[in-house]
Amino acid sequence: MINKIVEWVDTRVGISEIMEDEVFSKKAPRMKRWYELFGCFGGLSLILFILQVLTGIFLLVYYTPSPKEAFASVVFIDNGVVFGWLFRRLHAVGANVMILLVMIHMLKVIISGAYKAPRELHWVTGFTLLLLTMVMGISGYLLPWTQLSYWAVTVLTTSFSVMPVVGTPMMKIIRGADLVSGPTLGRFFALHLALPVLMAGFLAAHFVMIRRSGIQENL
């Protein structure tokens, strides 16, 4: 029954044909030197992004974005939920590794000149994804509501105040108050949920342009 439904949809949408042309039959440039393996970091970043989304959905079921209950909910995930500790470690460590891989991927693009015509928009969307990845990591860092995350965000947001004229108002807008408190946690939580949706849009644009102009040949 399920196979007939899938076949019915595929006949009208052509999913299998798209997958065959864009995924299974798509050829990548042949690697001639060991350092050309650095070209794989874009794909690895995508895999980690998917991992972040899946583990994040799991954590979202048990997490409470409240100053009084945030830390307790994290402790419950670690100790009271089956494999909760594993999902939280995958999410936390995966975020750091994802930022590292995206930065290495960006460095490879700069060194190889992959940002040049006709791939300028690849660079723009890729650099935007790097910034969004870092913001997502920072917003998620506060959510456990530990002393370390609290003071880290306090120092980070205070750094905005050194900007002339707009610095202090910007700091208060980010915090939602004069100090890092409940409103800050709420804003960072909302931002952390919204960013993956925004990133998915930029990822789609990034891959569409790569498919349009092709993968850069290795130097």
Protein backbone atom coordinates (compact mmCIF):
# COMPACT_ATOMS: atom_id res chain seq x y z
CA MET A 1 0.00 0.00 0.00
CA ILE A 2 2.77 2.42 0.99
CA ASN A 3 4.77 1.53 -2.13
CA LYS A 4 1.75 2.30 -4.32
CA ILE A 5 1.32 5.70 -2.64
CA VAL A 6 5.01 6.51 -3.08
CA GLU A 7 4.88 5.40 -6.71
CA TRP A 8 1.74 7.51 -7.31
CA VAL A 9 3.37 10.63 -5.86
CA ASP A 10 6.67 9.98 -7.66
CA THR A 11 4.91 9.62 -11.02
CA ARG A 12 3.46 13.10 -10.65
CA VAL A 13 6.32 14.89 -8.89
CA GLY A 14 9.35 13.08 -10.32
CA ILE A 15 11.26 12.80 -7.05
CA SER A 16 13.23 9.72 -8.12
CA GLU A 17 14.29 11.45 -11.34
CA ILE A 18 15.46 14.52 -9.43
CA MET A 19 17.37 12.38 -6.92
CA GLU A 20 18.99 10.40 -9.74
CA ASP A 21 20.13 13.52 -11.60
CA GLU A 22 21.14 15.67 -8.63
CA VAL A 23 22.40 13.12 -6.09
CA PHE A 24 23.15 9.61 -7.32
CA SER A 25 24.50 10.44 -10.79
CA LYS A 26 26.17 13.73 -9.88
CA LYS A 27 29.93 13.39 -10.23
CA ALA A 28 32.44 15.25 -8.08
CA PRO A 29 35.90 16.29 -9.31
CA ARG A 30 38.56 13.61 -8.99
CA MET A 31 40.89 14.10 -6.03
CA LYS A 32 44.55 14.12 -7.06
CA ARG A 33 46.24 15.26 -3.82
CA TRP A 34 45.65 14.47 -0.15
CA TYR A 35 44.85 18.07 0.80
CA GLU A 36 41.93 18.06 -1.61
CA LEU A 37 40.06 16.17 1.12
CA PHE A 38 39.42 19.62 2.60
CA GLY A 39 36.76 19.98 -0.09
CA CYS A 40 34.58 17.54 1.89
CA PHE A 41 34.10 19.86 4.85
CA GLY A 42 31.05 21.55 3.30
CA GLY A 43 29.20 18.25 3.12
CA LEU A 44 30.32 17.28 6.63
CA SER A 45 28.98 20.61 7.90
CA LEU A 46 25.61 19.78 6.35
CA ILE A 47 25.57 16.39 8.08
CA LEU A 48 26.30 18.04 11.43
CA PHE A 49 23.57 20.63 10.80
CA ILE A 50 21.06 17.81 10.30
CA LEU A 51 22.38 16.16 13.48
CA GLN A 52 21.92 19.44 15.36
CA VAL A 53 18.32 19.72 14.20
CA LEU A 54 17.45 16.12 15.13
CA THR A 55 19.09 16.19 18.55
CA GLY A 56 17.71 19.69 19.16
CA ILE A 57 14.15 18.47 18.58
CA PHE A 58 14.75 15.72 21.15
CA LEU A 59 16.10 18.20 23.71
CA LEU A 60 13.25 20.61 23.02
CA VAL A 61 10.78 18.03 24.33
CA TYR A 62 12.32 18.16 27.83
CA TYR A 63 13.92 21.62 28.05
CA THR A 64 12.18 24.46 29.95
CA PRO A 65 13.27 28.00 28.93
CA SER A 66 12.87 29.51 32.38
CA PRO A 67 15.61 30.88 34.70
CA LYS A 68 14.16 28.82 37.56
CA GLU A 69 13.81 25.57 35.63
CA ALA A 70 16.32 25.67 32.75
CA PHE A 71 19.25 24.15 34.64
CA ALA A 72 17.00 21.60 36.37
CA SER A 73 15.58 20.49 33.03
CA VAL A 74 19.11 20.01 31.65
CA VAL A 75 20.01 17.93 34.70
CA PHE A 76 16.87 15.87 34.14
CA ILE A 77 17.84 15.30 30.50
CA ASP A 78 21.27 14.08 31.60
CA ASN A 79 20.10 11.84 34.44
CA GLY A 80 16.39 11.09 34.04
CA VAL A 81 15.86 10.62 30.30
CA VAL A 82 16.94 7.43 28.56
CA PHE A 83 20.01 8.30 26.45
CA GLY A 84 19.35 11.95 27.26
CA TRP A 85 23.00 12.47 28.15
CA LEU A 86 24.03 11.12 24.74
CA PHE A 87 21.70 13.41 22.79
CA ARG A 88 22.83 16.43 24.80
CA ARG A 89 26.52 15.62 24.28
CA LEU A 90 25.95 15.09 20.56
CA HIS A 91 24.18 18.45 20.40
CA ALA A 92 26.79 20.35 22.43
CA VAL A 93 29.90 18.81 20.88
CA GLY A 94 28.32 18.78 17.43
CA ALA A 95 27.79 22.55 17.63
CA ASN A 96 31.49 23.17 18.30
CA VAL A 97 32.61 20.76 15.59
CA MET A 98 30.15 22.28 13.10
CA ILE A 99 31.56 25.78 13.68
CA LEU A 100 35.09 24.43 13.19
CA LEU A 101 34.18 22.61 9.97
CA VAL A 102 32.39 25.62 8.51
CA MET A 103 35.43 27.80 9.26
CA ILE A 104 37.77 25.27 7.63
CA HIS A 105 35.44 25.08 4.63
CA MET A 106 35.47 28.87 4.36
CA LEU A 107 39.27 28.90 4.58
CA LYS A 108 39.48 26.33 1.80
CA VAL A 109 37.21 28.50 -0.37
CA ILE A 110 39.47 31.52 0.19
CA ILE A 111 42.68 29.63 -0.56
CA SER A 112 41.31 27.91 -3.67
CA GLY A 113 39.63 31.06 -5.01
CA ALA A 114 36.23 29.39 -5.19
CA TYR A 115 34.58 32.74 -4.45
CA LYS A 116 35.50 34.15 -7.86
CA ALA A 117 33.11 34.55 -10.81
CA PRO A 118 30.66 32.99 -11.38
CA ARG A 119 30.51 31.88 -7.74
CA GLU A 120 30.27 35.21 -5.89
CA LEU A 121 26.82 34.39 -4.51
CA HIS A 122 28.19 31.06 -3.24
CA TRP A 123 30.56 33.10 -1.09
CA VAL A 124 27.83 35.47 0.13
CA THR A 125 25.46 32.68 1.16
CA GLY A 126 28.31 30.62 2.61
CA PHE A 127 29.66 33.51 4.69
CA THR A 128 26.14 34.26 5.91
CA LEU A 129 25.81 30.61 6.95
CA LEU A 130 29.08 30.92 8.88
CA LEU A 131 27.76 33.94 10.79
CA LEU A 132 24.43 32.23 11.47
CA THR A 133 26.25 29.11 12.69
CA MET A 134 28.26 31.16 15.16
CA VAL A 135 25.17 33.02 16.38
CA MET A 136 23.36 29.72 16.79
CA GLY A 137 26.24 28.39 18.87
CA ILE A 138 26.26 31.50 21.08
CA SER A 139 22.49 31.50 21.57
CA GLY A 140 22.53 27.82 22.50
CA TYR A 141 25.42 28.30 24.91
CA LEU A 142 23.22 30.29 27.31
CA LEU A 143 20.35 27.80 27.41
CA PRO A 144 21.74 25.45 30.11
CA TRP A 145 21.77 28.55 32.38
CA THR A 146 24.97 27.61 34.18
CA GLN A 147 27.39 30.03 35.82
CA LEU A 148 29.79 29.57 32.92
CA SER A 149 27.18 30.29 30.23
CA TYR A 150 25.70 33.19 32.21
CA TRP A 151 28.99 35.03 32.62
CA ALA A 152 30.14 34.20 29.09
CA VAL A 153 27.04 35.86 27.64
CA THR A 154 27.41 38.73 30.11
CA VAL A 155 30.94 39.42 28.88
CA LEU A 156 29.92 39.00 25.24
CA THR A 157 26.95 41.36 25.42
CA THR A 158 28.90 43.90 27.49
CA SER A 159 31.41 44.15 24.65
CA PHE A 160 28.72 45.86 22.56
CA SER A 161 28.59 48.75 25.04
CA VAL A 162 32.03 50.01 23.93
CA MET A 163 30.54 51.05 20.58
CA PRO A 164 29.85 54.80 20.54
CA VAL A 165 26.22 56.00 20.68
CA VAL A 166 24.50 52.73 19.68
CA GLY A 167 26.53 50.38 21.90
CA THR A 168 24.57 50.55 25.14
CA PRO A 169 21.09 50.52 23.50
CA MET A 170 22.17 47.54 21.39
CA MET A 171 23.36 45.70 24.51
CA LYS A 172 20.01 46.29 26.22
CA ILE A 173 18.09 45.15 23.14
CA ILE A 174 20.08 41.91 23.00
CA ARG A 175 19.65 41.28 26.73
CA GLY A 176 16.07 42.49 26.92
CA ALA A 177 17.05 44.16 30.19
CA ASP A 178 19.96 45.94 31.85
CA LEU A 179 21.44 42.62 32.98
CA VAL A 180 21.46 39.07 31.62
CA SER A 181 18.25 37.65 33.07
CA GLY A 182 14.99 35.88 32.20
CA PRO A 183 14.22 38.05 29.15
CA THR A 184 17.72 37.31 27.80
CA LEU A 185 17.15 33.59 28.14
CA GLY A 186 13.78 33.90 26.39
CA ARG A 187 15.25 35.89 23.51
CA PHE A 188 18.18 33.54 23.05
CA PHE A 189 15.84 30.54 23.14
CA ALA A 190 13.57 32.06 20.48
CA LEU A 191 16.61 32.98 18.38
CA HIS A 192 17.99 29.46 18.74
CA LEU A 193 14.73 28.02 17.39
CA ALA A 194 14.42 30.49 14.51
CA LEU A 195 17.98 30.23 13.21
CA PRO A 196 17.80 26.65 11.84
CA VAL A 197 14.80 27.67 9.71
CA LEU A 198 16.68 30.68 8.36
CA MET A 199 19.80 28.58 7.80
CA ALA A 200 17.79 25.97 5.88
CA GLY A 201 16.75 28.69 3.45
CA PHE A 202 20.34 29.84 2.89
CA LEU A 203 21.47 26.21 2.58
CA ALA A 204 18.88 25.60 -0.13
CA ALA A 205 20.04 28.69 -2.02
CA HIS A 206 23.68 27.66 -1.54
CA PHE A 207 23.15 24.20 -3.00
CA VAL A 208 20.94 25.41 -5.84
CA MET A 209 23.72 27.76 -6.97
CA ILE A 210 26.31 25.01 -6.63
CA ARG A 211 24.18 22.75 -8.79
CA ARG A 212 23.75 25.57 -11.31
CA SER A 213 27.41 26.49 -11.74
CA GLY A 214 28.92 23.13 -10.77
CA ILE A 215 31.51 22.18 -8.18
CA GLN A 216 34.85 23.93 -8.57
CA GLU A 217 37.55 21.78 -10.09
CA ASN A 218 40.42 21.01 -7.75
CA LEU A 219 43.59 23.04 -8.30
